[in-house]
Amino acid sequence: MSGNSSGGGCLLWMIDSSSARRRNKKIMKYNQNERGVDTYQSINVGSLLPVSTYQDSIIVSGGDQGERAGICEQLIRNAYNMSHPMIILHTANGQLENVIAGNRFGAIASDRSKVFDAFADFSLNEISQTVMDTCKSRYDIKPSGRYILQIVYDLLVSRGLPPYFSAYASCPYFKLYEQIENHFDARVMSRDDADRLNSLLLTGQAECPKIDTFFSDVKAQIAYLSAPDPKKVSVVSVLSAIKNNQVLCIDLRSSANAILIELVVNSLVAAMNRGYGFSLLIDDVALTNNDMLKNAVLQTTNHQKIIVSKDLYALAGGKEDVFNALIGGAVKTILFSHSSNVSCEKWSKYIGEYDKIDVSHNRNSGFHQSSRLGYNTNDGQTETMKREHRIKPEQINRLQRNEAIIYDHSTGSLIHTVIT
């Protein structure tokens, strides 16, 4: 009889345990669905970023330069295959340049490839506007300075020469009267045209010192990538690359290279004013060092922005509003490992939380013998609802090489995988 009682106690324990396991499986399934993270062993970068994403705004943050370069290569390949213009700004990222050169994706402007001319394909109005708006507070060139720029433009055109930046940079601004008369004497300009230019000179000559200083400073800062003689190479500007649906990679050398950065931004504005579409890929260029670049990136426009950084929060200068604005403009974010606990927490917070059923156990059980031998169980399982991060900060910190979290901003979906 005692044996039968013991068997009955074990049966009760098995039924109770089986019921708890089924319930906990349901709870686990519920939590997985609420968290909404799809886990895959691996995903090929081409499948993750198919050619249809060539016009998407994307953020890539974390990891090492090689991990980020693999993503950049796919994004650039997509733009190249779709003949979609892309301007790439970086600071001494030789690996990124090698990706572009090795695949022949487009032009590279750097100290190894001096093909850049800031004014290639620019109209007179676009040249004037760019000069007036670049480092405006430093040079304070008045509107009458446009007349000086027009004189140089007309002198070049009268000789059949394109109005390249190098020509503006080498112009003797304090000898424009002599230049005008020389053009008349050489019979490349009529007397009426010469008199018209001399009249413009009288109106704008007070701005000659500022314009001369401007071009002297710009020339010094961009000499490392600027074509010294545009007639000897196939020069490219930001505007000409966008106009011709090209990829152009520009080495800024430093985030503090303010004049070149503002030249580029003003060139992008000229392209937008012409109605051209393009993508702007920024690779670890600190936005807090240049308000014009920061505003261009944060501004809502019809062009796409790809921000690549070893730490986006640091790139934003630790400013929450800038960080959130950058993320808010993206379609997709690819997160690799981050070493900064603060950055991990910011990303975890942005991705959000979910309602999790938390199960805790406090079970007291065992065999007992009174009038009958049996099994007592006091299952102390407690279930409580709590909020938990969909991706915890420590998960971001512990990601292995090429392991990534991919967040879709439009749907809120999350993927955890290794990118191959």
Protein backbone atom coordinates (compact mmCIF):
# COMPACT_ATOMS: atom_id res chain seq x y z
CA MET A 1 0.00 0.00 0.00
CA SER A 2 2.83 2.32 0.85
CA GLY A 3 4.33 1.64 -2.57
CA ASN A 4 1.13 2.72 -4.27
CA SER A 5 1.06 5.91 -2.22
CA SER A 6 4.63 6.71 -3.20
CA GLY A 7 3.80 6.16 -6.88
CA GLY A 8 0.79 8.48 -6.58
CA GLY A 9 2.98 11.23 -5.11
CA CYS A 10 5.48 10.95 -7.94
CA LEU A 11 2.67 11.09 -10.48
CA LEU A 12 1.35 14.32 -8.96
CA TRP A 13 4.86 15.82 -9.10
CA MET A 14 5.27 14.80 -12.76
CA ILE A 15 1.88 16.29 -13.72
CA ASP A 16 2.66 19.53 -11.88
CA SER A 17 6.13 19.75 -13.39
CA SER A 18 4.85 19.01 -16.90
CA SER A 19 2.21 21.71 -16.60
CA ALA A 20 4.80 24.25 -15.45
CA ARG A 21 7.12 23.39 -18.33
CA ARG A 22 4.32 23.90 -20.87
CA ARG A 23 3.41 27.24 -19.34
CA ASN A 24 7.00 28.39 -19.22
CA LYS A 25 7.46 27.46 -22.86
CA LYS A 26 4.46 29.63 -23.68
CA ILE A 27 5.93 32.45 -21.61
CA MET A 28 9.27 32.08 -23.38
CA LYS A 29 7.53 32.19 -26.76
CA TYR A 30 5.57 35.26 -25.71
CA ASN A 31 8.73 37.04 -24.57
CA GLN A 32 10.53 36.22 -27.82
CA ASN A 33 7.63 37.58 -29.88
CA GLU A 34 7.40 40.75 -27.79
CA ARG A 35 11.16 41.37 -27.99
CA GLY A 36 11.00 41.00 -31.76
CA VAL A 37 14.61 39.99 -32.52
CA ASP A 38 15.18 37.60 -35.40
CA THR A 39 18.42 35.66 -35.04
CA TYR A 40 20.27 34.20 -38.02
CA GLN A 41 23.55 32.32 -38.05
CA SER A 42 24.85 34.54 -40.86
CA ILE A 43 23.66 36.87 -43.62
CA ASN A 44 25.60 37.84 -46.72
CA VAL A 45 26.13 41.59 -47.00
CA GLY A 46 24.60 41.54 -50.49
CA SER A 47 21.41 40.02 -49.11
CA LEU A 48 21.36 42.44 -46.21
CA LEU A 49 21.85 45.44 -48.49
CA PRO A 50 20.52 44.52 -51.94
CA VAL A 51 20.81 46.92 -54.85
CA SER A 52 17.26 48.13 -54.17
CA THR A 53 18.60 49.92 -51.06
CA TYR A 54 20.86 52.21 -53.11
CA GLN A 55 18.81 55.26 -52.15
CA ASP A 56 18.41 54.43 -48.45
CA SER A 57 19.81 56.57 -45.65
CA ILE A 58 21.83 54.23 -43.44
CA ILE A 59 23.87 54.45 -40.25
CA VAL A 60 26.83 52.17 -39.56
CA SER A 61 28.27 52.48 -36.05
CA GLY A 62 30.89 50.53 -34.14
CA GLY A 63 33.33 47.78 -35.06
CA ASP A 64 36.73 48.21 -36.64
CA GLN A 65 37.60 49.88 -39.92
CA GLY A 66 37.53 46.57 -41.80
CA GLU A 67 34.01 45.71 -40.63
CA ARG A 68 32.73 49.14 -41.64
CA ALA A 69 34.61 49.02 -44.96
CA GLY A 70 32.77 45.82 -45.91
CA ILE A 71 29.43 47.59 -45.47
CA CYS A 72 30.66 50.68 -47.31
CA GLU A 73 31.83 48.58 -50.26
CA GLN A 74 28.35 47.12 -50.70
CA LEU A 75 26.67 50.53 -50.41
CA ILE A 76 29.06 52.09 -52.94
CA ARG A 77 28.65 49.10 -55.26
CA ASN A 78 24.89 49.55 -55.20
CA ALA A 79 25.18 53.25 -56.09
CA TYR A 80 27.71 52.49 -58.84
CA ASN A 81 25.56 49.73 -60.37
CA MET A 82 22.53 52.04 -60.41
CA SER A 83 24.52 55.02 -61.81
CA HIS A 84 23.51 56.93 -58.71
CA PRO A 85 25.94 59.74 -57.77
CA MET A 86 27.62 59.44 -54.39
CA ILE A 87 29.96 61.87 -52.64
CA ILE A 88 32.17 60.27 -49.99
CA LEU A 89 33.94 62.33 -47.33
CA HIS A 90 36.54 60.72 -45.10
CA THR A 91 39.63 61.57 -43.07
CA ALA A 92 42.68 59.60 -44.20
CA ASN A 93 40.86 56.27 -44.61
CA GLY A 94 43.22 54.53 -47.03
CA GLN A 95 41.26 51.27 -46.80
CA LEU A 96 38.14 53.00 -48.13
CA GLU A 97 40.14 54.51 -51.00
CA ASN A 98 41.52 51.07 -51.85
CA VAL A 99 37.97 49.68 -52.03
CA ILE A 100 37.03 52.36 -54.55
CA ALA A 101 40.24 52.09 -56.57
CA GLY A 102 40.25 48.28 -56.57
CA ASN A 103 36.68 48.08 -57.86
CA ARG A 104 36.99 51.14 -60.12
CA PHE A 105 33.89 52.60 -58.55
CA GLY A 106 34.82 56.22 -59.23
CA ALA A 107 37.24 59.12 -58.74
CA ILE A 108 39.44 59.67 -55.70
CA ALA A 109 40.64 63.12 -54.68
CA SER A 110 43.60 62.86 -52.32
CA ASP A 111 47.33 63.47 -52.08
CA ARG A 112 47.81 60.37 -54.24
CA SER A 113 45.31 61.53 -56.86
CA LYS A 114 45.30 65.29 -57.47
CA VAL A 115 42.24 65.55 -59.72
CA PHE A 116 40.05 67.91 -57.70
CA ASP A 117 39.02 71.30 -59.03
CA ALA A 118 36.39 72.97 -56.87
CA PHE A 119 34.81 74.92 -59.77
CA ALA A 120 34.69 72.33 -62.55
CA ASP A 121 31.30 72.62 -64.32
CA PHE A 122 30.28 75.63 -62.20
CA SER A 123 28.41 78.58 -63.66
CA LEU A 124 29.45 82.15 -62.81
CA ASN A 125 26.57 82.48 -60.35
CA GLU A 126 27.51 79.20 -58.66
CA ILE A 127 31.15 80.27 -58.35
CA SER A 128 30.11 83.62 -56.88
CA GLN A 129 27.67 82.07 -54.41
CA THR A 130 30.20 79.47 -53.29
CA VAL A 131 32.88 82.08 -52.67
CA MET A 132 30.45 84.34 -50.80
CA ASP A 133 29.12 81.52 -48.59
CA THR A 134 32.36 79.71 -47.75
CA CYS A 135 33.69 80.78 -44.34
CA LYS A 136 31.48 83.84 -44.63
CA SER A 137 32.26 85.22 -41.16
CA ARG A 138 36.01 84.97 -41.75
CA TYR A 139 36.23 86.80 -45.07
CA ASP A 140 33.05 88.91 -45.10
CA ILE A 141 33.14 89.43 -48.87
CA LYS A 142 30.47 91.98 -49.77
CA PRO A 143 28.01 91.51 -52.70
CA SER A 144 30.10 93.88 -54.85
CA GLY A 145 32.80 91.19 -54.80
CA ARG A 146 30.71 89.36 -57.38
CA TYR A 147 31.86 91.92 -59.96
CA ILE A 148 35.51 90.95 -59.39
CA LEU A 149 34.66 87.28 -59.82
CA GLN A 150 32.76 88.12 -63.00
CA ILE A 151 35.80 89.97 -64.40
CA VAL A 152 38.01 86.90 -63.90
CA TYR A 153 35.32 84.69 -65.44
CA ASP A 154 35.00 86.89 -68.54
CA LEU A 155 38.78 87.17 -68.98
CA LEU A 156 39.11 83.39 -68.95
CA VAL A 157 36.19 82.80 -71.29
CA SER A 158 37.50 85.43 -73.74
CA ARG A 159 40.62 83.28 -74.16
CA GLY A 160 38.60 80.08 -74.45
CA LEU A 161 39.69 78.83 -71.03
CA PRO A 162 37.36 77.06 -68.57
CA PRO A 163 36.85 79.02 -65.32
CA TYR A 164 38.67 76.50 -63.13
CA PHE A 165 39.50 77.08 -59.48
CA SER A 166 43.22 77.01 -60.24
CA ALA A 167 42.76 80.02 -62.54
CA TYR A 168 40.92 81.98 -59.87
CA ALA A 169 43.53 81.02 -57.28
CA SER A 170 46.44 82.27 -59.44
CA CYS A 171 44.77 85.48 -60.62
CA PRO A 172 46.65 88.75 -59.81
CA TYR A 173 43.68 90.56 -58.22
CA PHE A 174 45.63 93.76 -57.65
CA LYS A 175 46.52 93.98 -61.37
CA LEU A 176 43.12 93.39 -62.94
CA TYR A 177 43.20 96.69 -64.84
CA GLU A 178 46.43 95.61 -66.57
CA GLN A 179 44.92 92.19 -67.28
CA ILE A 180 41.87 93.76 -68.93
CA GLU A 181 44.00 96.05 -71.11
CA ASN A 182 46.29 93.18 -72.07
CA HIS A 183 43.27 91.22 -73.28
CA PHE A 184 42.17 94.22 -75.35
CA ASP A 185 45.66 94.67 -76.80
CA ALA A 186 45.74 90.97 -77.70
CA ARG A 187 42.45 91.51 -79.57
CA VAL A 188 40.61 88.85 -77.65
CA MET A 189 38.26 91.51 -76.29
CA SER A 190 36.58 94.57 -77.78
CA ARG A 191 36.99 98.07 -76.39
CA ASP A 192 33.39 98.04 -75.24
CA ASP A 193 33.93 94.78 -73.36
CA ALA A 194 37.15 96.09 -71.79
CA ASP A 195 35.39 99.29 -70.67
CA ARG A 196 32.57 97.25 -69.20
CA LEU A 197 35.01 95.17 -67.15
CA ASN A 198 36.87 98.29 -66.01
CA SER A 199 33.53 99.68 -64.84
CA LEU A 200 32.90 96.51 -62.85
CA LEU A 201 36.39 96.82 -61.39
CA LEU A 202 35.66 100.33 -60.11
CA THR A 203 32.51 99.03 -58.40
CA GLY A 204 34.06 96.00 -56.73
CA GLN A 205 37.76 96.78 -56.26
CA ALA A 206 37.36 97.34 -52.49
CA GLU A 207 36.74 93.59 -52.20
CA CYS A 208 39.93 92.60 -54.05
CA PRO A 209 42.03 92.21 -50.88
CA LYS A 210 39.43 89.89 -49.29
CA ILE A 211 39.01 87.82 -52.43
CA ASP A 212 42.78 87.55 -52.86
CA THR A 213 43.13 86.38 -49.24
CA PHE A 214 40.26 83.93 -49.67
CA PHE A 215 41.79 82.20 -52.69
CA SER A 216 45.24 82.23 -51.12
CA ASP A 217 43.92 80.47 -48.01
CA VAL A 218 41.82 77.97 -49.96
CA LYS A 219 44.70 77.14 -52.27
CA ALA A 220 46.97 76.46 -49.31
CA GLN A 221 44.44 74.21 -47.60
CA ILE A 222 43.44 72.09 -50.60
CA ALA A 223 46.76 72.01 -52.48
CA TYR A 224 47.29 68.35 -51.48
CA LEU A 225 44.35 67.17 -53.63
CA SER A 226 43.81 70.04 -56.06
CA ALA A 227 44.83 69.64 -59.71
CA PRO A 228 47.68 72.13 -60.32
CA ASP A 229 47.00 72.16 -64.07
CA PRO A 230 43.45 71.07 -64.97
CA LYS A 231 44.40 70.80 -68.65
CA LYS A 232 46.71 67.85 -67.93
CA VAL A 233 44.28 65.66 -65.96
CA SER A 234 40.62 64.79 -66.02
CA VAL A 235 39.46 67.07 -63.21
CA VAL A 236 36.38 66.52 -61.10
CA SER A 237 34.38 68.65 -58.69
CA VAL A 238 31.54 67.72 -56.37
CA LEU A 239 29.08 69.26 -58.81
CA SER A 240 30.53 67.61 -61.91
CA ALA A 241 30.55 64.19 -60.22
CA ILE A 242 26.90 64.51 -59.25
CA LYS A 243 25.97 65.85 -62.69
CA ASN A 244 27.68 62.88 -64.36
CA ASN A 245 26.29 60.26 -61.92
CA GLN A 246 29.75 59.42 -60.57
CA VAL A 247 31.17 58.29 -57.26
CA LEU A 248 33.65 60.82 -55.86
CA CYS A 249 35.72 60.08 -52.76
CA ILE A 250 37.36 63.09 -51.07
CA ASP A 251 40.03 62.81 -48.37
CA LEU A 252 39.44 65.77 -46.02
CA ARG A 253 42.52 64.75 -44.02
CA SER A 254 40.97 66.26 -40.88
CA SER A 255 37.55 67.15 -39.55
CA ALA A 256 39.05 70.57 -38.83
CA ASN A 257 39.68 71.30 -42.53
CA ALA A 258 36.91 73.91 -42.45
CA ILE A 259 37.46 75.63 -45.79
CA LEU A 260 37.39 72.43 -47.84
CA ILE A 261 34.38 71.11 -45.91
CA GLU A 262 32.44 74.32 -46.56
CA LEU A 263 33.44 74.28 -50.22
CA VAL A 264 32.04 70.77 -50.48
CA VAL A 265 28.83 71.64 -48.65
CA ASN A 266 28.25 74.70 -50.85
CA SER A 267 28.86 72.54 -53.90
CA LEU A 268 26.21 70.12 -52.64
CA VAL A 269 23.83 73.05 -52.27
CA ALA A 270 24.54 74.04 -55.89
CA ALA A 271 23.72 70.46 -56.95
CA MET A 272 20.47 70.50 -54.99
CA ASN A 273 19.55 73.86 -56.52
CA ARG A 274 19.95 72.23 -59.94
CA GLY A 275 17.58 69.49 -58.84
CA TYR A 276 20.14 66.67 -58.81
CA GLY A 277 19.69 63.68 -56.51
CA PHE A 278 22.69 62.07 -54.80
CA SER A 279 23.90 60.21 -51.73
CA LEU A 280 26.37 61.65 -49.23
CA LEU A 281 28.52 59.12 -47.35
CA ILE A 282 30.37 60.55 -44.36
CA ASP A 283 33.03 58.31 -42.85
CA ASP A 284 34.06 59.37 -39.33
CA VAL A 285 34.04 63.13 -39.99
CA ALA A 286 33.23 64.89 -36.72
CA LEU A 287 30.09 66.95 -37.24
CA THR A 288 30.55 69.16 -34.18
CA ASN A 289 33.65 70.76 -35.74
CA ASN A 290 31.70 72.34 -38.58
CA ASP A 291 28.21 73.78 -38.25
CA MET A 292 27.68 73.96 -42.00
CA LEU A 293 28.33 70.23 -42.44
CA LYS A 294 26.25 69.35 -39.38
CA ASN A 295 23.31 71.41 -40.65
CA ALA A 296 23.61 69.85 -44.11
CA VAL A 297 23.48 66.36 -42.62
CA LEU A 298 20.62 67.10 -40.22
CA GLN A 299 18.55 69.01 -42.76
CA THR A 300 15.67 67.13 -44.32
CA THR A 301 16.30 67.03 -48.07
CA ASN A 302 15.69 64.73 -51.03
CA HIS A 303 19.23 63.34 -50.95
CA GLN A 304 20.36 60.30 -48.98
CA LYS A 305 22.84 60.34 -46.11
CA ILE A 306 25.03 57.45 -45.02
CA ILE A 307 26.83 58.06 -41.73
CA VAL A 308 29.67 55.66 -40.92
CA SER A 309 31.54 55.89 -37.64
CA LYS A 310 33.35 53.83 -35.06
CA ASP A 311 31.00 55.47 -32.53
CA LEU A 312 28.10 57.61 -33.72
CA TYR A 313 27.40 59.06 -30.26
CA ALA A 314 31.01 60.26 -30.03
CA LEU A 315 30.80 61.58 -33.61
CA ALA A 316 27.82 63.68 -32.49
CA GLY A 317 29.99 65.17 -29.76
CA GLY A 318 27.98 63.42 -27.07
CA LYS A 319 25.04 65.71 -27.85
CA GLU A 320 21.76 63.86 -27.42
CA ASP A 321 19.81 66.08 -29.82
CA VAL A 322 22.34 65.63 -32.64
CA PHE A 323 22.57 61.87 -31.99
CA ASN A 324 18.78 61.44 -32.08
CA ALA A 325 18.43 63.65 -35.17
CA LEU A 326 21.03 61.59 -37.04
CA ILE A 327 19.29 58.34 -36.16
CA GLY A 328 15.86 59.76 -36.91
CA GLY A 329 16.80 60.45 -40.51
CA ALA A 330 17.93 56.88 -41.20
CA VAL A 331 16.06 53.95 -42.71
CA LYS A 332 18.35 51.31 -41.23
CA THR A 333 21.13 51.11 -38.62
CA ILE A 334 23.88 48.50 -38.54
CA LEU A 335 25.48 48.19 -35.12
CA PHE A 336 28.80 46.48 -34.50
CA SER A 337 30.53 46.21 -31.14
CA HIS A 338 31.06 49.43 -29.14
CA SER A 339 33.66 49.85 -26.42
CA SER A 340 31.98 52.85 -24.76
CA ASN A 341 29.43 51.90 -22.13
CA VAL A 342 27.72 55.25 -22.57
CA SER A 343 27.27 54.68 -26.31
CA CYS A 344 25.95 51.16 -25.71
CA GLU A 345 23.40 52.56 -23.27
CA LYS A 346 22.33 55.26 -25.75
CA TRP A 347 21.78 52.73 -28.53
CA SER A 348 19.97 50.32 -26.21
CA LYS A 349 17.68 53.13 -25.04
CA TYR A 350 16.96 54.25 -28.61
CA ILE A 351 16.06 50.76 -29.84
CA GLY A 352 13.55 50.60 -27.02
CA GLU A 353 11.97 48.26 -24.52
CA TYR A 354 9.32 45.54 -24.47
CA ASP A 355 6.97 43.99 -21.91
CA LYS A 356 8.57 40.85 -20.56
CA ILE A 357 6.96 38.23 -18.33
CA ASP A 358 9.58 37.53 -15.68
CA VAL A 359 9.40 34.14 -13.95
CA SER A 360 10.99 33.48 -10.58
CA HIS A 361 10.92 30.19 -8.63
CA ASN A 362 10.77 29.39 -4.93
CA ARG A 363 9.94 25.69 -4.78
CA ASN A 364 9.78 23.67 -1.57
CA SER A 365 9.09 19.96 -2.17
CA GLY A 366 9.85 16.45 -0.91
CA PHE A 367 8.53 13.08 0.24
CA HIS A 368 6.72 12.84 3.57
CA GLN A 369 5.25 9.99 5.62
CA SER A 370 2.27 10.29 7.86
CA SER A 371 -0.62 7.88 7.59
CA ARG A 372 0.39 7.58 3.92
CA LEU A 373 3.66 8.12 2.08
CA GLY A 374 3.33 10.87 -0.54
CA TYR A 375 5.01 13.84 -2.27
CA ASN A 376 4.32 17.42 -1.31
CA THR A 377 5.11 20.35 -3.62
CA ASN A 378 4.82 24.05 -2.93
CA ASP A 379 5.62 25.62 -6.28
CA GLY A 380 6.53 29.23 -5.61
CA GLN A 381 6.65 30.29 -9.31
CA THR A 382 5.94 34.01 -9.53
CA GLU A 383 5.18 35.78 -12.78
CA THR A 384 5.53 39.55 -13.08
CA MET A 385 5.39 41.89 -16.03
CA LYS A 386 8.35 44.21 -16.42
CA ARG A 387 9.95 46.46 -19.01
CA GLU A 388 13.27 45.30 -20.45
CA HIS A 389 15.62 46.55 -23.20
CA ARG A 390 15.12 44.74 -26.51
CA ILE A 391 18.90 44.86 -26.89
CA LYS A 392 20.80 45.24 -23.63
CA PRO A 393 23.86 47.55 -23.52
CA GLU A 394 26.14 44.66 -22.63
CA GLN A 395 24.98 42.74 -25.71
CA ILE A 396 26.18 45.57 -27.95
CA ASN A 397 29.46 45.72 -26.07
CA ARG A 398 30.08 41.97 -26.40
CA LEU A 399 29.37 41.57 -30.13
CA GLN A 400 32.13 39.62 -31.84
CA ARG A 401 33.83 40.62 -35.11
CA ASN A 402 31.30 40.93 -37.97
CA GLU A 403 28.49 40.15 -35.52
CA ALA A 404 25.87 42.87 -35.79
CA ILE A 405 22.50 44.16 -34.75
CA ILE A 406 20.44 45.53 -37.66
CA TYR A 407 17.61 47.88 -36.75
CA ASP A 408 14.92 48.85 -39.26
CA HIS A 409 13.68 52.31 -38.25
CA SER A 410 10.46 52.13 -40.27
CA THR A 411 9.21 48.78 -38.97
CA GLY A 412 11.09 48.53 -35.68
CA SER A 413 12.33 45.04 -36.60
CA LEU A 414 15.63 43.76 -35.28
CA ILE A 415 18.06 41.21 -36.70
CA HIS A 416 20.97 39.66 -34.83
CA THR A 417 23.45 37.94 -37.12
CA VAL A 418 26.99 37.63 -38.43
CA ILE A 419 27.54 39.58 -41.66
CA THR A 420 29.61 37.72 -44.23
